[in-house]
Amino acid sequence: MAYQYRPRGVCSQAISFDLEDGVVKNVRFTGGCSGNTQGVARLVEGMPAKEAVKRLSGIRCGFKSTSCPDQLAKAIEQALEGKS
C-alpha cells in the first residue's frame, strides 16, 4: 500500500513509500539534502518496517529535535497504525 507523509521540522517537504507485507519499499523524499535522503531511502529498501522505525527513530539533524530519517520513522509508524 502506498503512503504519503508531510514531514515537520525538516527540509524535505514530503515522504512517500510503500508497505508490502510489513516491508518498506520505494521510499522517496521531496526536497531535503539529496545525498542524505537518497542514502536513507536505499538503506531501508526491503527492510522490515518495525526494524526501520527502531533504527531511524530519534536521529537528530544538528540542533533540530528531528531529522529526515526520524520523520521517515514517524511516517512508517503512522502507516503501521493504519493512519494515512
Protein backbone atom coordinates (compact mmCIF):
# COMPACT_ATOMS: atom_id res chain seq x y z
CA MET A 1 0.00 0.00 0.00
CA ALA A 2 1.26 3.49 -0.87
CA TYR A 3 1.65 6.16 1.81
CA GLN A 4 2.31 9.91 1.76
CA TYR A 5 3.61 11.88 4.73
CA ARG A 6 4.24 15.59 5.27
CA PRO A 7 7.32 15.89 7.48
CA ARG A 8 7.63 18.59 10.13
CA GLY A 9 10.72 20.47 11.27
CA VAL A 10 13.00 19.33 8.42
CA CYS A 11 14.00 20.50 4.94
CA SER A 12 12.13 17.81 3.00
CA GLN A 13 8.54 18.66 2.07
CA ALA A 14 7.14 15.16 1.53
CA ILE A 15 7.93 11.50 2.02
CA SER A 16 6.26 8.73 0.05
CA PHE A 17 6.75 4.99 0.42
CA ASP A 18 5.05 1.63 0.07
CA LEU A 19 4.50 -1.01 2.72
CA GLU A 20 4.15 -4.54 1.39
CA ASP A 21 3.64 -7.28 3.96
CA GLY A 22 5.34 -5.17 6.62
CA VAL A 23 8.35 -4.36 4.41
CA VAL A 24 9.40 -0.83 3.36
CA LYS A 25 9.65 -0.24 -0.39
CA ASN A 26 10.04 2.67 -2.83
CA VAL A 27 10.94 5.44 -0.35
CA ARG A 28 11.03 8.88 -1.98
CA PHE A 29 11.78 12.22 -0.35
CA THR A 30 10.77 15.51 -1.94
CA GLY A 31 13.31 18.15 -1.02
CA GLY A 32 15.87 17.84 1.73
CA CYS A 33 19.56 17.03 1.38
CA SER A 34 19.58 14.91 -1.75
CA GLY A 35 22.51 12.65 -0.90
CA ASN A 36 21.31 12.00 2.63
CA THR A 37 17.71 11.30 1.70
CA GLN A 38 18.73 9.03 -1.19
CA GLY A 39 21.05 7.16 1.16
CA VAL A 40 18.37 6.66 3.79
CA ALA A 41 15.87 5.56 1.14
CA ARG A 42 18.25 2.93 -0.23
CA LEU A 43 19.25 1.68 3.20
CA VAL A 44 15.68 0.96 4.31
CA GLU A 45 14.61 -0.58 0.98
CA GLY A 46 13.43 -4.11 1.72
CA MET A 47 13.78 -3.67 5.48
CA PRO A 48 11.02 -4.79 7.84
CA ALA A 49 9.06 -1.66 8.79
CA LYS A 50 9.44 -2.19 12.54
CA GLU A 51 13.21 -2.54 12.17
CA ALA A 52 13.38 0.68 10.12
CA VAL A 53 11.44 2.53 12.84
CA LYS A 54 13.74 1.13 15.51
CA ARG A 55 16.88 2.22 13.65
CA LEU A 56 15.72 5.68 12.50
CA SER A 57 13.73 6.98 15.48
CA GLY A 58 15.37 9.73 17.46
CA ILE A 59 18.02 10.73 14.91
CA ARG A 60 18.57 14.48 15.08
CA CYS A 61 19.81 16.94 12.46
CA GLY A 62 22.14 19.47 14.05
CA PHE A 63 20.27 21.39 16.72
CA LYS A 64 16.86 20.31 15.44
CA SER A 65 14.87 17.86 17.52
CA THR A 66 14.22 15.70 14.45
CA SER A 67 15.68 14.76 11.06
CA CYS A 68 14.56 13.33 7.74
CA PRO A 69 15.31 9.77 8.94
CA ASP A 70 13.36 10.43 12.15
CA GLN A 71 10.45 11.80 10.13
CA LEU A 72 10.51 8.68 7.94
CA ALA A 73 10.29 6.60 11.13
CA LYS A 74 7.25 8.63 12.22
CA ALA A 75 5.66 8.14 8.78
CA ILE A 76 6.20 4.38 8.93
CA GLU A 77 4.81 4.24 12.48
CA GLN A 78 1.65 6.02 11.34
CA ALA A 79 1.31 3.65 8.40
CA LEU A 80 1.68 0.63 10.71
CA GLU A 81 -1.03 2.10 12.96
CA GLY A 82 -3.33 2.45 9.96
CA LYS A 83 -3.23 6.25 9.83
CA SER A 84 -2.69 7.96 6.48
